[in-house]
Amino acid sequence: MSLHVWSSAHYTIPLPDGHRFPIMKYALLREAIVAEGIVPAARVHDPKRLALIDAARVHGADYLARVLDGRLSEAEQRRMGFPWSPGLVERSLRASGGTLEAARHALDAGIAMNLAGGTHHAFAGHGEGFCVLNDVAIAVRTLRAEGRIRRVAIIDLDVHQGNGTHDILAGDEASFTFSMHGGRNYPFRKVPGTLDIELEDGTEDTEYLERLAAALPGVLAAARPDLVMYLAGADPHEGDALGRLRLTFDGLMRRDALVLESARAIGVPVAIAIAGGYGRHIDDTVRVHCNTARVACTFL
């Protein structure tokens, strides 16, 4: 068996010179994951366009209409971090579609991965932090509507708290939202999840892994999930420009293995989204994401 992954790298967005969002990482990741023999090309799928009925399970009709029609105000675009373009709409729908398709496949195969997604700063009525649509929340609600799952654990290990996901799923007793993130990092106004662990700037492998290993059994016991949605951010890496933590490549691979081992121990499938990564050298970010796929392959 080999890992099935979804890549929306073919759907790019025009950005001004000097923009800090690393749009090129998606194409580099798609190329590297095949070139390094991690996933055969036949298992790298282009995602379908997310159906608007599924986007509407999370996002308000007015917000969706303004995104689709290009009627977001300048202030809304600044908050989102992207200038509006038709390409932004297409990419957002494809990337969210990739998370949904990966989650569906994980329920059958045990594990699958979207080489995008993890857009956890998108709220029901607005985007922020380079996030337009909340792909994880959309996947959760769509799979429930399809009768595929009821309970879900969201394990968010991006360096930034998943404020949008927490807000959307607040009060949803069948969704356990766990985020372990930089306490002094963006977003500066956190939204409480089911469990938040805040880390000090400069946290290294040993402390990070100890705290994660201590938390995961309780998270999964309380969540009793039918599916784990895992946001495997690359931005805790020591070379990340926005991360402020000091995890090594090896530490991040051990992080991924901890999550996947914990889920396998209780027989729960895992859908992975890559979330953020802003390495000072983009090849470092790509390497972290490739390593997550490499670790995932060992759990098939």
C-alpha atoms as a PDB file:
ATOM      1  CA  MET A   1       0.000   0.000   0.000  1.00  0.00           C
ATOM      2  CA  SER A   2       1.055   3.604  -0.455  1.00  0.00           C
ATOM      3  CA  LEU A   3      -0.176   6.856   0.974  1.00  0.00           C
ATOM      4  CA  HIS A   4      -2.805   8.753  -1.015  1.00  0.00           C
ATOM      5  CA  VAL A   5      -2.331  12.527  -1.023  1.00  0.00           C
ATOM      6  CA  TRP A   6      -4.207  15.445  -2.539  1.00  0.00           C
ATOM      7  CA  SER A   7      -2.411  18.474  -3.997  1.00  0.00           C
ATOM      8  CA  SER A   8      -3.942  21.761  -5.109  1.00  0.00           C
ATOM      9  CA  ALA A   9      -0.536  23.088  -6.221  1.00  0.00           C
ATOM     10  CA  HIS A  10      -1.812  23.605  -9.769  1.00  0.00           C
ATOM     11  CA  TYR A  11      -4.194  26.262  -8.439  1.00  0.00           C
ATOM     12  CA  THR A  12      -2.058  29.228  -7.523  1.00  0.00           C
ATOM     13  CA  ILE A  13      -2.745  32.849  -6.646  1.00  0.00           C
ATOM     14  CA  PRO A  14      -1.166  36.094  -7.826  1.00  0.00           C
ATOM     15  CA  LEU A  15       0.623  37.842  -4.985  1.00  0.00           C
ATOM     16  CA  PRO A  16       2.565  41.120  -4.936  1.00  0.00           C
ATOM     17  CA  ASP A  17       6.355  41.053  -4.796  1.00  0.00           C
ATOM     18  CA  GLY A  18       7.642  40.554  -1.283  1.00  0.00           C
ATOM     19  CA  HIS A  19       4.438  38.961   0.025  1.00  0.00           C
ATOM     20  CA  ARG A  20       5.302  36.750   2.988  1.00  0.00           C
ATOM     21  CA  PHE A  21       2.967  33.877   2.119  1.00  0.00           C
ATOM     22  CA  PRO A  22       5.079  31.061   0.587  1.00  0.00           C
ATOM     23  CA  ILE A  23       2.756  30.052  -2.243  1.00  0.00           C
ATOM     24  CA  MET A  24       5.616  28.234  -4.001  1.00  0.00           C
ATOM     25  CA  LYS A  25       5.895  25.656  -1.229  1.00  0.00           C
ATOM     26  CA  TYR A  26       2.903  23.736  -2.568  1.00  0.00           C
ATOM     27  CA  ALA A  27       4.405  23.116  -5.998  1.00  0.00           C
ATOM     28  CA  LEU A  28       7.801  22.315  -4.477  1.00  0.00           C
ATOM     29  CA  LEU A  29       6.157  19.884  -2.054  1.00  0.00           C
ATOM     30  CA  ARG A  30       4.243  18.119  -4.805  1.00  0.00           C
ATOM     31  CA  GLU A  31       7.436  17.727  -6.815  1.00  0.00           C
ATOM     32  CA  ALA A  32       9.583  16.635  -3.865  1.00  0.00           C
ATOM     33  CA  ILE A  33       7.187  14.061  -2.495  1.00  0.00           C
ATOM     34  CA  VAL A  34       7.296  12.206  -5.815  1.00  0.00           C
ATOM     35  CA  ALA A  35      10.966  12.827  -6.618  1.00  0.00           C
ATOM     36  CA  GLU A  36      12.029  11.470  -3.224  1.00  0.00           C
ATOM     37  CA  GLY A  37       9.918   8.344  -3.718  1.00  0.00           C
ATOM     38  CA  ILE A  38       7.686   9.054  -0.731  1.00  0.00           C
ATOM     39  CA  VAL A  39       4.464   8.811  -2.740  1.00  0.00           C
ATOM     40  CA  PRO A  40       4.152   7.517  -6.324  1.00  0.00           C
ATOM     41  CA  ALA A  41       2.802  10.031  -8.827  1.00  0.00           C
ATOM     42  CA  ALA A  42      -0.327   7.913  -9.320  1.00  0.00           C
ATOM     43  CA  ARG A  43      -1.239   8.490  -5.673  1.00  0.00           C
ATOM     44  CA  VAL A  44      -1.028  12.306  -5.911  1.00  0.00           C
ATOM     45  CA  HIS A  45      -4.537  13.488  -6.728  1.00  0.00           C
ATOM     46  CA  ASP A  46      -5.888  16.836  -7.871  1.00  0.00           C
ATOM     47  CA  PRO A  47      -8.757  17.721  -5.522  1.00  0.00           C
ATOM     48  CA  LYS A  48     -12.215  18.406  -6.804  1.00  0.00           C
ATOM     49  CA  ARG A  49     -13.702  21.845  -6.322  1.00  0.00           C
ATOM     50  CA  LEU A  50     -15.458  21.997  -2.966  1.00  0.00           C
ATOM     51  CA  ALA A  51     -19.219  22.066  -3.430  1.00  0.00           C
ATOM     52  CA  LEU A  52     -20.719  25.337  -2.246  1.00  0.00           C
ATOM     53  CA  ILE A  53     -23.325  23.425  -0.247  1.00  0.00           C
ATOM     54  CA  ASP A  54     -20.459  22.015   1.796  1.00  0.00           C
ATOM     55  CA  ALA A  55     -18.770  25.403   2.251  1.00  0.00           C
ATOM     56  CA  ALA A  56     -22.126  26.711   3.480  1.00  0.00           C
ATOM     57  CA  ARG A  57     -22.200  24.140   6.281  1.00  0.00           C
ATOM     58  CA  VAL A  58     -19.633  26.394   7.999  1.00  0.00           C
ATOM     59  CA  HIS A  59     -19.567  29.811   6.342  1.00  0.00           C
ATOM     60  CA  GLY A  60     -22.334  32.385   6.213  1.00  0.00           C
ATOM     61  CA  ALA A  61     -24.115  33.020   2.921  1.00  0.00           C
ATOM     62  CA  ASP A  62     -23.162  36.696   2.846  1.00  0.00           C
ATOM     63  CA  TYR A  63     -19.472  35.994   3.439  1.00  0.00           C
ATOM     64  CA  LEU A  64     -19.385  33.250   0.819  1.00  0.00           C
ATOM     65  CA  ALA A  65     -21.128  35.458  -1.736  1.00  0.00           C
ATOM     66  CA  ARG A  66     -18.644  38.285  -1.179  1.00  0.00           C
ATOM     67  CA  VAL A  67     -15.702  35.881  -1.494  1.00  0.00           C
ATOM     68  CA  LEU A  68     -17.039  34.325  -4.680  1.00  0.00           C
ATOM     69  CA  ASP A  69     -18.038  37.628  -6.289  1.00  0.00           C
ATOM     70  CA  GLY A  70     -14.947  39.620  -5.298  1.00  0.00           C
ATOM     71  CA  ARG A  71     -16.851  42.027  -3.052  1.00  0.00           C
ATOM     72  CA  LEU A  72     -14.593  41.820  -0.003  1.00  0.00           C
ATOM     73  CA  SER A  73     -13.631  45.242   1.301  1.00  0.00           C
ATOM     74  CA  GLU A  74     -10.008  46.362   1.405  1.00  0.00           C
ATOM     75  CA  ALA A  75     -10.089  45.974   5.176  1.00  0.00           C
ATOM     76  CA  GLU A  76     -11.349  42.397   4.855  1.00  0.00           C
ATOM     77  CA  GLN A  77      -8.625  41.588   2.341  1.00  0.00           C
ATOM     78  CA  ARG A  78      -5.968  43.035   4.640  1.00  0.00           C
ATOM     79  CA  ARG A  79      -7.292  40.969   7.525  1.00  0.00           C
ATOM     80  CA  MET A  80      -7.227  37.866   5.326  1.00  0.00           C
ATOM     81  CA  GLY A  81      -3.714  38.685   4.168  1.00  0.00           C
ATOM     82  CA  PHE A  82      -4.483  38.172   0.477  1.00  0.00           C
ATOM     83  CA  PRO A  83      -5.680  40.432  -2.323  1.00  0.00           C
ATOM     84  CA  TRP A  84      -8.843  39.033  -3.857  1.00  0.00           C
ATOM     85  CA  SER A  85      -8.553  37.320  -7.225  1.00  0.00           C
ATOM     86  CA  PRO A  86     -10.453  34.593  -9.095  1.00  0.00           C
ATOM     87  CA  GLY A  87      -7.417  32.410  -8.447  1.00  0.00           C
ATOM     88  CA  LEU A  88      -7.827  32.891  -4.700  1.00  0.00           C
ATOM     89  CA  VAL A  89     -11.409  31.619  -4.915  1.00  0.00           C
ATOM     90  CA  GLU A  90     -10.437  28.595  -6.999  1.00  0.00           C
ATOM     91  CA  ARG A  91      -7.485  27.699  -4.824  1.00  0.00           C
ATOM     92  CA  SER A  92      -9.511  28.031  -1.622  1.00  0.00           C
ATOM     93  CA  LEU A  93     -12.220  25.722  -2.955  1.00  0.00           C
ATOM     94  CA  ARG A  94      -9.686  23.195  -4.251  1.00  0.00           C
ATOM     95  CA  ALA A  95      -7.596  23.170  -1.076  1.00  0.00           C
ATOM     96  CA  SER A  96     -10.697  22.687   1.075  1.00  0.00           C
ATOM     97  CA  GLY A  97     -11.869  19.992  -1.311  1.00  0.00           C
ATOM     98  CA  GLY A  98      -8.543  18.248  -0.809  1.00  0.00           C
ATOM     99  CA  THR A  99      -9.025  18.057   2.953  1.00  0.00           C
ATOM    100  CA  LEU A 100     -12.528  16.661   2.521  1.00  0.00           C
ATOM    101  CA  GLU A 101     -11.358  14.039   0.018  1.00  0.00           C
ATOM    102  CA  ALA A 102      -8.412  13.067   2.201  1.00  0.00           C
ATOM    103  CA  ALA A 103     -10.723  12.688   5.197  1.00  0.00           C
ATOM    104  CA  ARG A 104     -13.112  10.488   3.227  1.00  0.00           C
ATOM    105  CA  HIS A 105     -10.223   8.326   2.075  1.00  0.00           C
ATOM    106  CA  ALA A 106      -8.762   8.101   5.579  1.00  0.00           C
ATOM    107  CA  LEU A 107     -12.021   6.639   6.851  1.00  0.00           C
ATOM    108  CA  ASP A 108     -11.547   3.761   4.410  1.00  0.00           C
ATOM    109  CA  ALA A 109      -7.752   3.399   4.343  1.00  0.00           C
ATOM    110  CA  GLY A 110      -6.799   4.510   7.866  1.00  0.00           C
ATOM    111  CA  ILE A 111      -4.718   7.521   6.837  1.00  0.00           C
ATOM    112  CA  ALA A 112      -4.544  10.109   4.041  1.00  0.00           C
ATOM    113  CA  MET A 113      -3.038  13.556   3.575  1.00  0.00           C
ATOM    114  CA  ASN A 114      -3.829  16.874   1.960  1.00  0.00           C
ATOM    115  CA  LEU A 115      -0.694  18.681   0.768  1.00  0.00           C
ATOM    116  CA  ALA A 116      -2.460  21.937   1.643  1.00  0.00           C
ATOM    117  CA  GLY A 117      -5.260  22.908   4.024  1.00  0.00           C
ATOM    118  CA  GLY A 118      -5.208  23.481   7.738  1.00  0.00           C
ATOM    119  CA  THR A 119      -6.674  26.953   7.206  1.00  0.00           C
ATOM    120  CA  HIS A 120      -7.634  27.243  10.842  1.00  0.00           C
ATOM    121  CA  HIS A 121      -7.820  31.057  11.114  1.00  0.00           C
ATOM    122  CA  ALA A 122     -10.924  31.270   8.908  1.00  0.00           C
ATOM    123  CA  PHE A 123     -14.060  32.091  10.904  1.00  0.00           C
ATOM    124  CA  ALA A 124     -17.633  31.512   9.795  1.00  0.00           C
ATOM    125  CA  GLY A 125     -18.022  35.108   8.653  1.00  0.00           C
ATOM    126  CA  HIS A 126     -14.531  36.317   7.814  1.00  0.00           C
ATOM    127  CA  GLY A 127     -11.066  35.200   6.802  1.00  0.00           C
ATOM    128  CA  GLU A 128      -7.799  36.112   8.482  1.00  0.00           C
ATOM    129  CA  GLY A 129      -4.214  34.951   8.805  1.00  0.00           C
ATOM    130  CA  PHE A 130      -3.907  33.705   5.189  1.00  0.00           C
ATOM    131  CA  CYS A 131      -7.083  31.622   5.593  1.00  0.00           C
ATOM    132  CA  VAL A 132     -10.239  32.044   3.500  1.00  0.00           C
ATOM    133  CA  LEU A 133     -12.292  28.904   4.191  1.00  0.00           C
ATOM    134  CA  ASN A 134     -11.990  26.636   7.218  1.00  0.00           C
ATOM    135  CA  ASP A 135     -11.318  23.313   5.521  1.00  0.00           C
ATOM    136  CA  VAL A 136     -11.211  21.213   8.684  1.00  0.00           C
ATOM    137  CA  ALA A 137     -14.550  22.444  10.014  1.00  0.00           C
ATOM    138  CA  ILE A 138     -16.071  21.980   6.549  1.00  0.00           C
ATOM    139  CA  ALA A 139     -14.819  18.394   6.398  1.00  0.00           C
ATOM    140  CA  VAL A 140     -16.170  17.640   9.876  1.00  0.00           C
ATOM    141  CA  ARG A 141     -19.638  18.944   9.142  1.00  0.00           C
ATOM    142  CA  THR A 142     -19.803  17.404   5.681  1.00  0.00           C
ATOM    143  CA  LEU A 143     -18.762  13.956   6.891  1.00  0.00           C
ATOM    144  CA  ARG A 144     -21.391  14.176   9.602  1.00  0.00           C
ATOM    145  CA  ALA A 145     -24.029  15.146   7.056  1.00  0.00           C
ATOM    146  CA  GLU A 146     -22.982  12.112   5.007  1.00  0.00           C
ATOM    147  CA  GLY A 147     -23.349   9.890   8.055  1.00  0.00           C
ATOM    148  CA  ARG A 148     -19.660   8.911   7.996  1.00  0.00           C
ATOM    149  CA  ILE A 149     -18.671  10.227  11.444  1.00  0.00           C
ATOM    150  CA  ARG A 150     -20.140  11.738  14.565  1.00  0.00           C
ATOM    151  CA  ARG A 151     -17.280  12.439  16.958  1.00  0.00           C
ATOM    152  CA  VAL A 152     -13.984  14.028  15.899  1.00  0.00           C
ATOM    153  CA  ALA A 153     -10.694  15.047  17.499  1.00  0.00           C
ATOM    154  CA  ILE A 154      -8.865  17.970  15.939  1.00  0.00           C
ATOM    155  CA  ILE A 155      -5.179  17.869  16.865  1.00  0.00           C
ATOM    156  CA  ASP A 156      -3.753  21.215  15.786  1.00  0.00           C
ATOM    157  CA  LEU A 157       0.036  21.362  16.023  1.00  0.00           C
ATOM    158  CA  ASP A 158       0.579  24.425  13.881  1.00  0.00           C
ATOM    159  CA  VAL A 159       2.588  26.967  15.875  1.00  0.00           C
ATOM    160  CA  HIS A 160      -0.383  29.377  15.742  1.00  0.00           C
ATOM    161  CA  GLN A 161      -3.594  28.681  17.637  1.00  0.00           C
ATOM    162  CA  GLY A 162      -6.526  27.548  15.504  1.00  0.00           C
ATOM    163  CA  ASN A 163      -8.776  30.391  16.583  1.00  0.00           C
ATOM    164  CA  GLY A 164     -11.217  30.118  13.705  1.00  0.00           C
ATOM    165  CA  THR A 165     -11.744  26.386  14.144  1.00  0.00           C
ATOM    166  CA  HIS A 166     -12.219  26.841  17.881  1.00  0.00           C
ATOM    167  CA  ASP A 167     -14.797  29.561  17.310  1.00  0.00           C
ATOM    168  CA  ILE A 168     -16.744  27.615  14.675  1.00  0.00           C
ATOM    169  CA  LEU A 169     -16.883  24.437  16.759  1.00  0.00           C
ATOM    170  CA  ALA A 170     -17.412  26.112  20.154  1.00  0.00           C
ATOM    171  CA  GLY A 171     -20.190  24.340  22.018  1.00  0.00           C
ATOM    172  CA  ASP A 172     -20.031  21.309  19.724  1.00  0.00           C
ATOM    173  CA  GLU A 173     -19.717  18.498  22.250  1.00  0.00           C
ATOM    174  CA  ALA A 174     -18.870  15.948  19.548  1.00  0.00           C
ATOM    175  CA  SER A 175     -15.789  17.920  18.448  1.00  0.00           C
ATOM    176  CA  PHE A 176     -12.697  17.990  20.650  1.00  0.00           C
ATOM    177  CA  THR A 177     -10.403  20.856  19.629  1.00  0.00           C
ATOM    178  CA  PHE A 178      -6.829  20.499  20.887  1.00  0.00           C
ATOM    179  CA  SER A 179      -4.201  23.096  20.008  1.00  0.00           C
ATOM    180  CA  MET A 180      -0.592  23.227  21.196  1.00  0.00           C
ATOM    181  CA  HIS A 181       0.940  26.491  20.049  1.00  0.00           C
ATOM    182  CA  GLY A 182       3.155  29.467  20.823  1.00  0.00           C
ATOM    183  CA  GLY A 183       1.529  31.413  23.634  1.00  0.00           C
ATOM    184  CA  ARG A 184       2.951  34.782  22.565  1.00  0.00           C
ATOM    185  CA  ASN A 185       2.463  34.232  18.859  1.00  0.00           C
ATOM    186  CA  TYR A 186      -0.382  35.112  16.484  1.00  0.00           C
ATOM    187  CA  PRO A 187      -3.334  35.230  16.999  1.00  0.00           C
ATOM    188  CA  PHE A 188      -2.862  37.609  19.867  1.00  0.00           C
ATOM    189  CA  ARG A 189      -6.493  37.237  20.934  1.00  0.00           C
ATOM    190  CA  LYS A 190      -6.954  33.494  21.385  1.00  0.00           C
ATOM    191  CA  VAL A 191     -10.303  31.704  21.214  1.00  0.00           C
ATOM    192  CA  PRO A 192     -10.528  28.924  23.812  1.00  0.00           C
ATOM    193  CA  GLY A 193     -10.660  25.387  22.471  1.00  0.00           C
ATOM    194  CA  THR A 194     -11.429  22.211  24.372  1.00  0.00           C
ATOM    195  CA  LEU A 195      -7.756  22.046  25.357  1.00  0.00           C
ATOM    196  CA  ASP A 196      -5.044  24.618  24.677  1.00  0.00           C
ATOM    197  CA  ILE A 197      -1.399  24.207  25.617  1.00  0.00           C
ATOM    198  CA  GLU A 198       0.607  27.406  25.291  1.00  0.00           C
ATOM    199  CA  LEU A 199       4.354  27.172  24.774  1.00  0.00           C
ATOM    200  CA  GLU A 200       7.037  29.688  25.599  1.00  0.00           C
ATOM    201  CA  ASP A 201       9.192  31.158  22.847  1.00  0.00           C
ATOM    202  CA  GLY A 202      12.257  28.998  22.284  1.00  0.00           C
ATOM    203  CA  THR A 203      10.636  25.696  23.303  1.00  0.00           C
ATOM    204  CA  GLU A 204      12.810  22.811  22.044  1.00  0.00           C
ATOM    205  CA  ASP A 205      12.222  19.168  21.119  1.00  0.00           C
ATOM    206  CA  THR A 206      12.370  17.578  24.552  1.00  0.00           C
ATOM    207  CA  GLU A 207       9.834  19.797  26.311  1.00  0.00           C
ATOM    208  CA  TYR A 208       7.553  19.878  23.278  1.00  0.00           C
ATOM    209  CA  LEU A 209       7.450  16.118  22.891  1.00  0.00           C
ATOM    210  CA  GLU A 210       7.032  15.502  26.617  1.00  0.00           C
ATOM    211  CA  ARG A 211       4.048  17.821  26.792  1.00  0.00           C
ATOM    212  CA  LEU A 212       2.494  16.364  23.665  1.00  0.00           C
ATOM    213  CA  ALA A 213       2.976  12.776  24.850  1.00  0.00           C
ATOM    214  CA  ALA A 214       1.399  13.670  28.190  1.00  0.00           C
ATOM    215  CA  ALA A 215      -1.630  15.304  26.558  1.00  0.00           C
ATOM    216  CA  LEU A 216      -2.549  12.940  23.726  1.00  0.00           C
ATOM    217  CA  PRO A 217      -3.949   9.993  25.731  1.00  0.00           C
ATOM    218  CA  GLY A 218      -6.332  12.273  27.598  1.00  0.00           C
ATOM    219  CA  VAL A 219      -7.367  14.084  24.425  1.00  0.00           C
ATOM    220  CA  LEU A 220      -8.263  10.863  22.646  1.00  0.00           C
ATOM    221  CA  ALA A 221      -9.936   9.323  25.693  1.00  0.00           C
ATOM    222  CA  ALA A 222     -12.147  12.371  26.141  1.00  0.00           C
ATOM    223  CA  ALA A 223     -12.798  12.852  22.428  1.00  0.00           C
ATOM    224  CA  ARG A 224     -13.741   9.208  21.676  1.00  0.00           C
ATOM    225  CA  PRO A 225     -13.337  10.145  18.010  1.00  0.00           C
ATOM    226  CA  ASP A 226     -14.416   8.406  14.836  1.00  0.00           C
ATOM    227  CA  LEU A 227     -11.735  10.432  13.036  1.00  0.00           C
ATOM    228  CA  VAL A 228      -8.669  12.498  13.927  1.00  0.00           C
ATOM    229  CA  MET A 229      -8.028  15.631  11.878  1.00  0.00           C
ATOM    230  CA  TYR A 230      -4.328  16.396  12.297  1.00  0.00           C
ATOM    231  CA  LEU A 231      -2.849  19.795  11.397  1.00  0.00           C
ATOM    232  CA  ALA A 232       0.854  19.086  10.999  1.00  0.00           C
ATOM    233  CA  GLY A 233       2.233  22.609  10.786  1.00  0.00           C
ATOM    234  CA  ALA A 234       5.854  23.062   9.730  1.00  0.00           C
ATOM    235  CA  ASP A 235       6.149  26.358  11.575  1.00  0.00           C
ATOM    236  CA  PRO A 236       7.344  25.015  14.955  1.00  0.00           C
ATOM    237  CA  HIS A 237      10.640  24.352  13.124  1.00  0.00           C
ATOM    238  CA  GLU A 238      13.672  26.264  14.391  1.00  0.00           C
ATOM    239  CA  GLY A 239      14.204  27.785  10.926  1.00  0.00           C
ATOM    240  CA  ASP A 240      10.722  29.248  10.645  1.00  0.00           C
ATOM    241  CA  ALA A 241      10.523  33.022  10.322  1.00  0.00           C
ATOM    242  CA  LEU A 242       7.209  33.272  12.187  1.00  0.00           C
ATOM    243  CA  GLY A 243       7.366  30.321  14.577  1.00  0.00           C
ATOM    244  CA  ARG A 244       9.544  31.354  17.544  1.00  0.00           C
ATOM    245  CA  LEU A 245       9.983  27.703  18.616  1.00  0.00           C
ATOM    246  CA  ARG A 246      13.105  25.588  18.164  1.00  0.00           C
ATOM    247  CA  LEU A 247      12.025  22.161  17.019  1.00  0.00           C
ATOM    248  CA  THR A 248      14.411  20.220  14.802  1.00  0.00           C
ATOM    249  CA  PHE A 249      13.564  18.154  11.745  1.00  0.00           C
ATOM    250  CA  ASP A 250      13.900  15.034  13.878  1.00  0.00           C
ATOM    251  CA  GLY A 251      11.733  16.486  16.635  1.00  0.00           C
ATOM    252  CA  LEU A 252       8.951  17.244  14.169  1.00  0.00           C
ATOM    253  CA  MET A 253       9.079  13.713  12.758  1.00  0.00           C
ATOM    254  CA  ARG A 254       8.805  12.361  16.303  1.00  0.00           C
ATOM    255  CA  ARG A 255       5.841  14.707  16.842  1.00  0.00           C
ATOM    256  CA  ASP A 256       4.107  13.259  13.778  1.00  0.00           C
ATOM    257  CA  ALA A 257       4.829   9.715  14.889  1.00  0.00           C
ATOM    258  CA  LEU A 258       3.423  10.423  18.367  1.00  0.00           C
ATOM    259  CA  VAL A 259       0.124  11.620  16.923  1.00  0.00           C
ATOM    260  CA  LEU A 260      -0.193   8.740  14.470  1.00  0.00           C
ATOM    261  CA  GLU A 261       0.858   6.111  17.026  1.00  0.00           C
ATOM    262  CA  SER A 262      -1.677   7.428  19.515  1.00  0.00           C
ATOM    263  CA  ALA A 263      -4.488   7.258  16.962  1.00  0.00           C
ATOM    264  CA  ARG A 264      -3.491   3.799  15.740  1.00  0.00           C
ATOM    265  CA  ALA A 265      -3.403   2.507  19.324  1.00  0.00           C
ATOM    266  CA  ILE A 266      -7.154   3.107  19.573  1.00  0.00           C
ATOM    267  CA  GLY A 267      -7.925   2.179  15.966  1.00  0.00           C
ATOM    268  CA  VAL A 268      -8.936   5.656  14.759  1.00  0.00           C
ATOM    269  CA  PRO A 269      -8.202   6.902  11.207  1.00  0.00           C
ATOM    270  CA  VAL A 270      -6.266  10.132  10.646  1.00  0.00           C
ATOM    271  CA  ALA A 271      -6.635  12.808   7.963  1.00  0.00           C
ATOM    272  CA  ILE A 272      -3.622  15.123   7.764  1.00  0.00           C
ATOM    273  CA  ALA A 273      -3.513  18.727   6.533  1.00  0.00           C
ATOM    274  CA  ILE A 274      -0.166  20.526   6.350  1.00  0.00           C
ATOM    275  CA  ALA A 275      -1.170  23.932   7.777  1.00  0.00           C
ATOM    276  CA  GLY A 276       1.518  26.635   8.035  1.00  0.00           C
ATOM    277  CA  GLY A 277       5.208  26.883   7.348  1.00  0.00           C
ATOM    278  CA  TYR A 278       7.222  30.045   6.752  1.00  0.00           C
ATOM    279  CA  GLY A 279      10.819  28.894   6.732  1.00  0.00           C
ATOM    280  CA  ARG A 280      13.561  31.427   6.174  1.00  0.00           C
ATOM    281  CA  HIS A 281      14.625  28.884   3.571  1.00  0.00           C
ATOM    282  CA  ILE A 282      11.589  27.480   1.792  1.00  0.00           C
ATOM    283  CA  ASP A 283      13.356  24.146   1.305  1.00  0.00           C
ATOM    284  CA  ASP A 284      13.254  23.671   5.093  1.00  0.00           C
ATOM    285  CA  THR A 285       9.483  24.035   5.103  1.00  0.00           C
ATOM    286  CA  VAL A 286       9.137  21.602   2.213  1.00  0.00           C
ATOM    287  CA  ARG A 287      11.382  19.141   4.027  1.00  0.00           C
ATOM    288  CA  VAL A 288       9.212  19.248   7.167  1.00  0.00           C
ATOM    289  CA  HIS A 289       6.061  18.577   5.138  1.00  0.00           C
ATOM    290  CA  CYS A 290       7.785  15.791   3.161  1.00  0.00           C
ATOM    291  CA  ASN A 291       8.870  14.228   6.431  1.00  0.00           C
ATOM    292  CA  THR A 292       5.276  14.221   7.685  1.00  0.00           C
ATOM    293  CA  ALA A 293       4.274  12.246   4.595  1.00  0.00           C
ATOM    294  CA  ARG A 294       7.279   9.970   5.082  1.00  0.00           C
ATOM    295  CA  VAL A 295       6.194   9.220   8.653  1.00  0.00           C
ATOM    296  CA  ALA A 296       2.591   8.701   7.562  1.00  0.00           C
ATOM    297  CA  CYS A 297       3.704   6.066   5.063  1.00  0.00           C
ATOM    298  CA  THR A 298       4.992   3.918   7.916  1.00  0.00           C
ATOM    299  CA  PHE A 299       1.467   3.704   9.368  1.00  0.00           C
ATOM    300  CA  LEU A 300      -0.220   2.159   6.337  1.00  0.00           C
END
